[in-house]
């Protein structure tokens, strides 16, 4: 099992989640179930997928979860 906290990308992704939640808190209430929700889910998906992949035993499995995290990063329009 890999230590996910040793990866700089995980630390940045974790910080991104906090920032997205902070920023979306000021969005209009009409966006709570739309844009706000999508941005929060996409941002949260990045570190969660990295952590889940790090818990896998094989390099191929880890790479698969990293690819999913990259896709979430694109959805969140982030640059880690």
Protein backbone atom coordinates (compact mmCIF):
# COMPACT_ATOMS: atom_id res chain seq x y z
CA UNK A 1 0.00 0.00 0.00
CA UNK A 2 1.38 3.37 -1.03
CA UNK A 3 1.44 6.44 1.25
CA UNK A 4 -0.78 8.78 -0.74
CA UNK A 5 0.29 11.80 1.35
CA UNK A 6 3.84 11.57 -0.06
CA UNK A 7 2.54 12.55 -3.51
CA UNK A 8 2.56 16.29 -4.16
CA UNK A 9 -0.38 15.92 -6.54
CA UNK A 10 -2.50 14.48 -3.72
CA UNK A 11 -1.63 17.39 -1.42
CA UNK A 12 -2.57 19.87 -4.14
CA UNK A 13 -5.78 18.01 -4.95
CA UNK A 14 -6.73 18.05 -1.27
CA UNK A 15 -6.14 21.81 -1.20
CA UNK A 16 -8.20 22.21 -4.36
CA UNK A 17 -11.19 20.53 -2.71
CA UNK A 18 -11.03 22.98 0.19
CA UNK A 19 -10.74 25.92 -2.20
CA UNK A 20 -13.65 24.74 -4.38
CA UNK A 21 -15.87 24.35 -1.33
CA UNK A 22 -14.87 27.82 -0.12
CA UNK A 23 -15.54 29.43 -3.49
CA UNK A 24 -18.80 27.64 -4.22
CA UNK A 25 -20.20 28.61 -0.82
CA UNK A 26 -20.80 32.07 -2.29
CA UNK A 27 -22.64 30.77 -5.39
CA UNK A 28 -26.35 31.55 -5.65
CA UNK A 29 -28.76 29.11 -4.00
CA UNK A 30 -30.21 28.34 -7.42
CA UNK A 31 -26.92 26.62 -8.32
CA UNK A 32 -26.72 24.33 -5.27
CA UNK A 33 -27.95 21.31 -7.23
CA UNK A 34 -26.28 22.30 -10.50
CA UNK A 35 -22.92 23.93 -10.93
CA UNK A 36 -21.99 23.94 -7.24
CA UNK A 37 -22.67 20.23 -6.86
CA UNK A 38 -20.81 19.29 -10.04
CA UNK A 39 -17.73 21.34 -9.16
CA UNK A 40 -17.59 19.91 -5.65
CA UNK A 41 -18.03 16.31 -6.82
CA UNK A 42 -15.40 16.68 -9.55
CA UNK A 43 -12.88 18.27 -7.19
CA UNK A 44 -13.51 15.70 -4.45
CA UNK A 45 -13.14 12.86 -6.91
CA UNK A 46 -9.50 13.70 -7.61
CA UNK A 47 -7.95 12.96 -4.19
CA UNK A 48 -10.45 10.16 -3.52
CA UNK A 49 -9.39 8.31 -6.68
CA UNK A 50 -5.72 8.86 -5.92
CA UNK A 51 -6.22 7.48 -2.41
CA UNK A 52 -8.20 4.49 -3.64
CA UNK A 53 -5.60 3.74 -6.30
CA UNK A 54 -2.79 4.02 -3.76
CA UNK A 55 -4.49 1.34 -1.68
CA UNK A 56 -4.38 -1.12 -4.59
CA UNK A 57 -1.50 -3.54 -4.82
CA UNK A 58 -0.66 -3.42 -8.51
CA UNK A 59 0.87 -0.64 -10.55
CA UNK A 60 -1.70 -1.12 -13.32
CA UNK A 61 -4.57 -0.70 -10.88
CA UNK A 62 -2.96 2.41 -9.44
CA UNK A 63 -2.50 3.82 -12.95
CA UNK A 64 -6.18 3.20 -13.71
CA UNK A 65 -7.25 5.28 -10.70
CA UNK A 66 -4.75 8.00 -11.59
CA UNK A 67 -6.35 8.17 -15.05
CA UNK A 68 -9.79 8.56 -13.47
CA UNK A 69 -8.41 11.35 -11.26
CA UNK A 70 -7.01 13.10 -14.35
CA UNK A 71 -10.45 12.92 -15.95
CA UNK A 72 -11.99 14.49 -12.85
CA UNK A 73 -9.35 17.18 -12.96
CA UNK A 74 -10.38 18.04 -16.50
CA UNK A 75 -14.02 18.19 -15.42
CA UNK A 76 -13.05 20.56 -12.61
CA UNK A 77 -10.87 22.61 -15.02
CA UNK A 78 -7.95 22.42 -12.63
CA UNK A 79 -4.24 22.65 -13.15
CA UNK A 80 -2.48 20.68 -10.45
